[in-house]
Amino acid sequence: MERYEIAIIGTGPAGLSAAITATIRNKKILLIGNALLSEKVEKAQVINNYLGLPSVTGKELQEAFLQHLKELDITITETKVNTIYALGDYFAIDCGDNNTYEATCVILATGLSVVKPFKGELENIGKGVSYCATCDAQFYKNKVAAVVGFSQEEESEAVFLSEMADKVLYFPMYKTDVSLGDNIEVIYGEKPQSIEKEEEKICLVTQQSKYPVDGIFLLRDSVAVQQLVPGLKLVDNLVEVDRQMQTNLKGLFACGDITGAPYQYIKSAGEGNVAALSAVSYLNKKK
């Protein structure tokens, strides 16, 4: 398997700044995120404190970012990261495209997550709760699974799972009619409240009922940082870093909004630069 020197997760100002700095330092990088970059930046009406670009609109800043990436021939791998595992000398990055990537070090630049886990969710990760149906579908042959889909893009994962499982209960968290496979029961209008362990079953509890199944898949657009990296130290739901943007896990750096205030683009870009330089220094010391 191909191993990258630096994997950067996120395509906001912090992640892009890290990618640019690492590329200029001739490092082999993997940049994972949205090919359209940051919707938050694009929708900003005017930004007054970005050095050298007074009164720039978000759309103009976004276009400048894209042009910079193009000039350095930096490509974006558009996929969702499910979990990042620290494996000693390298990291394994498990993604929603059913691929696992490897990198010697990782820079987290995912921005602040608004995802609030369900009651009982975190306690049951790996014990019946999963975030990737295409990754774990093989474990549900001849079984029953529940899928909570937060966007239409997640429907394909439910269909893939249904090819293995006897039955899939699909809970759409969006207002669109859903038509899937014969063994997929779509349950409308029931919002999950909690997840409970009950003997050999895991139960999805909604406002109206309780559904005992063999596994529950929570397919969100993004994964909260506390679920993303096992063992990562947080303080008030923010990633704890030192001035080199180093986390408590060796080789794992973080930058931008996930490290705390001030929540400004120029601060994020500066931290991305520091994180990349620290990652480069880390790689050089390993050599």
Protein backbone atom coordinates (compact mmCIF):
# COMPACT_ATOMS: atom_id res chain seq x y z
CA MET A 1 0.00 0.00 0.00
CA GLU A 2 1.22 3.47 -0.88
CA ARG A 3 2.22 5.47 2.20
CA TYR A 4 2.10 9.26 2.22
CA GLU A 5 4.42 11.37 4.31
CA ILE A 6 1.69 13.78 5.45
CA ALA A 7 -2.09 13.31 5.30
CA ILE A 8 -4.11 16.49 5.75
CA ILE A 9 -7.78 16.20 6.68
CA GLY A 10 -9.83 19.25 5.76
CA THR A 11 -9.95 21.81 2.95
CA GLY A 12 -10.64 25.02 4.83
CA PRO A 13 -7.95 27.72 5.28
CA ALA A 14 -6.02 25.62 7.84
CA GLY A 15 -5.89 22.45 5.75
CA LEU A 16 -5.06 24.28 2.52
CA SER A 17 -2.31 26.29 4.18
CA ALA A 18 -0.82 23.06 5.57
CA ALA A 19 -1.02 21.38 2.15
CA ILE A 20 0.69 24.30 0.41
CA THR A 21 3.51 24.52 2.97
CA ALA A 22 4.10 20.75 2.95
CA THR A 23 4.14 20.70 -0.86
CA ILE A 24 6.65 23.55 -1.02
CA ARG A 25 8.80 21.49 1.38
CA ASN A 26 8.68 18.62 -1.16
CA LYS A 27 6.67 16.25 0.99
CA LYS A 28 4.37 13.60 -0.43
CA ILE A 29 0.94 14.65 0.78
CA LEU A 30 -2.61 13.37 0.77
CA LEU A 31 -5.23 16.12 1.04
CA ILE A 32 -8.69 14.82 1.94
CA GLY A 33 -11.76 17.02 1.89
CA ASN A 34 -14.34 18.77 -0.24
CA ALA A 35 -13.19 19.56 -3.77
CA LEU A 36 -15.26 22.78 -3.55
CA LEU A 37 -13.25 23.71 -0.41
CA SER A 38 -15.06 25.45 2.45
CA GLU A 39 -18.72 26.42 2.12
CA LYS A 40 -18.28 28.56 5.23
CA VAL A 41 -15.60 30.63 3.49
CA GLU A 42 -17.45 30.85 0.18
CA LYS A 43 -20.60 32.27 1.78
CA ALA A 44 -18.79 35.00 3.76
CA GLN A 45 -19.98 38.40 2.53
CA VAL A 46 -16.78 40.28 3.26
CA ILE A 47 -13.52 39.52 5.09
CA ASN A 48 -11.61 42.53 6.35
CA ASN A 49 -8.62 41.11 8.23
CA TYR A 50 -6.99 38.69 5.73
CA LEU A 51 -3.50 40.10 5.21
CA GLY A 52 -2.99 41.58 1.76
CA LEU A 53 -6.62 41.11 0.71
CA PRO A 54 -8.66 43.97 2.23
CA SER A 55 -12.46 43.73 1.93
CA VAL A 56 -12.28 40.44 0.03
CA THR A 57 -15.47 38.45 -0.41
CA GLY A 58 -15.59 34.80 0.59
CA LYS A 59 -16.08 33.75 -3.02
CA GLU A 60 -13.02 35.75 -4.12
CA LEU A 61 -10.91 34.22 -1.34
CA GLN A 62 -12.14 30.76 -2.29
CA GLU A 63 -11.12 31.34 -5.93
CA ALA A 64 -7.68 32.50 -4.79
CA PHE A 65 -7.30 29.31 -2.75
CA LEU A 66 -8.23 27.16 -5.75
CA GLN A 67 -5.79 29.00 -8.00
CA HIS A 68 -2.98 28.48 -5.47
CA LEU A 69 -3.69 24.74 -5.35
CA LYS A 70 -3.74 24.60 -9.15
CA GLU A 71 -0.37 26.33 -9.46
CA LEU A 72 1.22 23.81 -7.08
CA ASP A 73 -0.59 20.86 -8.71
CA ILE A 74 -2.23 19.87 -5.42
CA THR A 75 -5.18 17.51 -5.82
CA ILE A 76 -7.98 16.83 -3.36
CA THR A 77 -9.19 13.32 -2.53
CA GLU A 78 -12.91 13.79 -2.00
CA THR A 79 -14.10 11.27 0.55
CA LYS A 80 -15.32 11.07 4.15
CA VAL A 81 -12.88 10.02 6.85
CA ASN A 82 -14.46 7.59 9.30
CA THR A 83 -11.60 6.80 11.68
CA ILE A 84 -7.89 7.53 12.01
CA TYR A 85 -5.85 4.89 13.84
CA ALA A 86 -2.43 5.59 15.37
CA LEU A 87 -0.37 2.45 14.64
CA GLY A 88 3.05 3.32 16.01
CA ASP A 89 5.18 4.50 13.10
CA TYR A 90 2.25 5.48 10.90
CA PHE A 91 -1.48 6.21 10.77
CA ALA A 92 -4.22 4.26 9.00
CA ILE A 93 -7.02 6.43 7.64
CA ASP A 94 -10.27 4.53 7.14
CA CYS A 95 -12.47 6.30 4.57
CA GLY A 96 -16.02 6.13 3.29
CA ASP A 97 -14.91 5.16 -0.23
CA ASN A 98 -14.00 1.75 1.23
CA ASN A 99 -10.31 2.65 1.03
CA THR A 100 -7.72 2.82 3.78
CA TYR A 101 -4.82 5.22 3.34
CA GLU A 102 -1.54 5.27 5.24
CA ALA A 103 0.54 8.27 6.28
CA THR A 104 3.56 8.77 8.51
CA CYS A 105 1.92 11.79 10.10
CA VAL A 106 -1.49 13.44 9.99
CA ILE A 107 -2.71 17.02 10.24
CA LEU A 108 -6.30 17.47 11.43
CA ALA A 109 -7.95 20.58 10.01
CA THR A 110 -11.58 19.52 10.02
CA GLY A 111 -13.07 22.66 11.54
CA LEU A 112 -15.59 22.67 14.36
CA SER A 113 -18.10 19.85 14.29
CA VAL A 114 -21.73 20.54 15.16
CA VAL A 115 -22.40 16.82 15.46
CA LYS A 116 -23.92 15.93 18.83
CA PRO A 117 -23.71 12.18 19.52
CA PHE A 118 -26.83 10.32 20.58
CA LYS A 119 -27.03 9.13 24.15
CA GLY A 120 -25.24 5.77 24.28
CA GLU A 121 -23.55 6.24 20.91
CA LEU A 122 -19.96 6.69 22.00
CA GLU A 123 -20.15 3.89 24.55
CA ASN A 124 -21.18 1.41 21.84
CA ILE A 125 -18.74 2.24 19.06
CA GLY A 126 -17.40 -1.10 17.87
CA LYS A 127 -20.06 -2.89 19.95
CA GLY A 128 -22.84 -2.56 17.41
CA VAL A 129 -22.43 1.06 16.34
CA SER A 130 -20.52 1.89 13.16
CA TYR A 131 -20.08 4.88 10.84
CA CYS A 132 -19.34 3.05 7.58
CA ALA A 133 -21.75 0.51 6.05
CA THR A 134 -19.47 -0.34 3.12
CA CYS A 135 -16.64 -1.07 5.57
CA ASP A 136 -18.58 -3.37 7.93
CA ALA A 137 -21.34 -4.82 5.75
CA GLN A 138 -19.68 -8.27 5.65
CA PHE A 139 -20.34 -8.68 9.39
CA TYR A 140 -24.11 -8.49 8.88
CA LYS A 141 -24.77 -11.41 6.57
CA ASN A 142 -28.20 -12.89 7.40
CA LYS A 143 -28.71 -10.24 10.11
CA VAL A 144 -30.82 -7.13 10.64
CA ALA A 145 -29.29 -3.64 10.69
CA ALA A 146 -30.54 -0.10 11.15
CA VAL A 147 -29.17 2.80 9.13
CA VAL A 148 -29.63 6.46 10.06
CA GLY A 149 -28.93 8.51 6.93
CA PHE A 150 -28.41 12.25 7.25
CA SER A 151 -28.37 12.97 3.49
CA GLN A 152 -29.42 11.31 0.23
CA GLU A 153 -25.77 10.54 -0.49
CA GLU A 154 -25.88 7.89 2.24
CA GLU A 155 -28.60 5.84 0.49
CA SER A 156 -26.02 3.95 -1.59
CA GLU A 157 -24.42 2.64 1.63
CA ALA A 158 -27.80 1.34 2.82
CA VAL A 159 -28.30 -0.44 -0.52
CA PHE A 160 -24.83 -2.01 -0.31
CA LEU A 161 -25.55 -3.18 3.23
CA SER A 162 -28.89 -4.70 2.12
CA GLU A 163 -27.03 -7.00 -0.27
CA MET A 164 -25.49 -8.68 2.77
CA ALA A 165 -28.12 -8.29 5.48
CA ASP A 166 -31.49 -10.03 5.66
CA LYS A 167 -33.17 -6.71 6.38
CA VAL A 168 -32.24 -3.04 6.70
CA LEU A 169 -34.27 -0.42 8.57
CA TYR A 170 -33.54 2.96 6.99
CA PHE A 171 -34.25 6.18 8.93
CA PRO A 172 -33.90 9.23 6.62
CA MET A 173 -33.09 12.44 8.49
CA TYR A 174 -34.13 14.54 5.47
CA LYS A 175 -37.45 15.37 3.81
CA THR A 176 -37.36 13.37 0.59
CA ASP A 177 -39.21 10.26 -0.49
CA VAL A 178 -36.89 7.27 -0.44
CA SER A 179 -37.20 4.23 -2.69
CA LEU A 180 -34.56 1.57 -2.05
CA GLY A 181 -34.35 -2.27 -2.18
CA ASP A 182 -37.04 -4.83 -1.38
CA ASN A 183 -35.45 -5.75 1.95
CA ILE A 184 -35.03 -2.12 3.03
CA GLU A 185 -37.83 -0.77 5.20
CA VAL A 186 -37.90 3.03 5.19
CA ILE A 187 -39.13 4.53 8.45
CA TYR A 188 -40.17 8.16 8.09
CA GLY A 189 -40.58 10.80 10.75
CA GLU A 190 -38.88 9.00 13.62
CA LYS A 191 -35.95 10.87 15.07
CA PRO A 192 -33.41 8.74 17.00
CA GLN A 193 -33.03 9.68 20.65
CA SER A 194 -30.58 7.13 22.06
CA ILE A 195 -28.84 3.81 21.60
CA GLU A 196 -29.15 1.04 24.16
CA LYS A 197 -27.55 -2.37 24.59
CA GLU A 198 -30.11 -5.10 25.29
CA GLU A 199 -28.75 -8.63 25.74
CA GLU A 200 -27.47 -9.74 22.29
CA LYS A 201 -29.10 -6.82 20.47
CA ILE A 202 -28.35 -3.13 20.06
CA CYS A 203 -31.47 -0.93 20.15
CA LEU A 204 -32.16 2.28 18.28
CA VAL A 205 -34.61 4.25 20.40
CA THR A 206 -36.72 6.90 18.65
CA GLN A 207 -39.38 9.27 19.96
CA GLN A 208 -42.03 6.70 19.03
CA SER A 209 -40.50 3.24 19.39
CA LYS A 210 -37.52 0.97 20.06
CA TYR A 211 -35.85 -1.12 17.34
CA PRO A 212 -33.70 -4.09 18.45
CA VAL A 213 -31.23 -4.95 15.66
CA ASP A 214 -27.82 -6.56 15.21
CA GLY A 215 -26.06 -3.32 14.23
CA ILE A 216 -26.64 0.41 13.86
CA PHE A 217 -24.97 2.55 11.20
CA LEU A 218 -24.90 6.34 11.72
CA LEU A 219 -24.11 7.85 8.32
CA ARG A 220 -23.42 11.54 8.88
CA ASP A 221 -21.69 13.94 6.49
CA SER A 222 -18.83 14.26 8.97
CA VAL A 223 -17.62 12.52 12.09
CA ALA A 224 -17.13 14.42 15.34
CA VAL A 225 -13.48 14.77 16.26
CA GLN A 226 -13.91 12.82 19.52
CA GLN A 227 -15.01 9.84 17.42
CA LEU A 228 -12.47 10.37 14.64
CA VAL A 229 -9.21 9.54 16.43
CA PRO A 230 -9.22 7.04 19.32
CA GLY A 231 -7.05 8.29 22.17
CA LEU A 232 -6.98 11.95 21.05
CA LYS A 233 -6.98 14.33 24.03
CA LEU A 234 -9.68 17.00 24.05
CA VAL A 235 -10.37 19.91 26.37
CA ASP A 236 -13.95 21.26 26.24
CA ASN A 237 -14.46 19.36 22.95
CA LEU A 238 -11.47 21.11 21.36
CA VAL A 239 -8.23 19.36 20.38
CA GLU A 240 -5.42 20.15 22.81
CA VAL A 241 -2.21 21.21 21.06
CA ASP A 242 1.07 22.91 21.94
CA ARG A 243 2.59 25.84 20.06
CA GLN A 244 3.87 23.44 17.38
CA MET A 245 0.28 22.21 16.84
CA GLN A 246 1.32 18.78 18.19
CA THR A 247 -1.44 16.75 19.86
CA ASN A 248 -0.96 14.15 22.58
CA LEU A 249 -0.43 11.50 19.85
CA LYS A 250 3.05 11.57 18.34
CA GLY A 251 2.92 12.49 14.65
CA LEU A 252 -0.63 13.84 14.85
CA PHE A 253 -1.04 17.60 14.52
CA ALA A 254 -4.16 19.78 14.58
CA CYS A 255 -4.88 23.32 13.42
CA GLY A 256 -7.68 25.77 12.76
CA ASP A 257 -11.03 26.02 14.49
CA ILE A 258 -10.78 22.58 16.15
CA THR A 259 -8.02 23.99 18.39
CA GLY A 260 -10.17 26.87 19.67
CA ALA A 261 -10.72 30.62 19.40
CA PRO A 262 -10.28 33.02 17.74
CA TYR A 263 -12.35 31.54 14.92
CA GLN A 264 -10.84 33.54 12.09
CA TYR A 265 -9.58 32.53 8.65
CA ILE A 266 -6.20 34.21 9.06
CA LYS A 267 -5.60 32.44 12.38
CA SER A 268 -6.51 29.10 10.79
CA ALA A 269 -4.17 29.66 7.85
CA GLY A 270 -1.32 30.57 10.20
CA GLU A 271 -1.84 27.46 12.32
CA GLY A 272 -1.96 25.33 9.16
CA ASN A 273 1.46 26.68 8.21
CA VAL A 274 2.87 25.90 11.68
CA ALA A 275 1.36 22.40 11.67
CA ALA A 276 2.93 21.62 8.30
CA LEU A 277 6.35 22.89 9.37
CA SER A 278 6.10 20.81 12.54
CA ALA A 279 5.13 17.74 10.51
CA VAL A 280 8.10 18.31 8.19
CA SER A 281 10.41 18.59 11.21
CA TYR A 282 8.92 15.40 12.65
CA LEU A 283 9.58 13.54 9.38
CA ASN A 284 13.14 14.82 9.17
CA LYS A 285 13.89 13.66 12.71
CA LYS A 286 12.51 10.18 11.92
CA LYS A 287 14.94 9.92 9.01
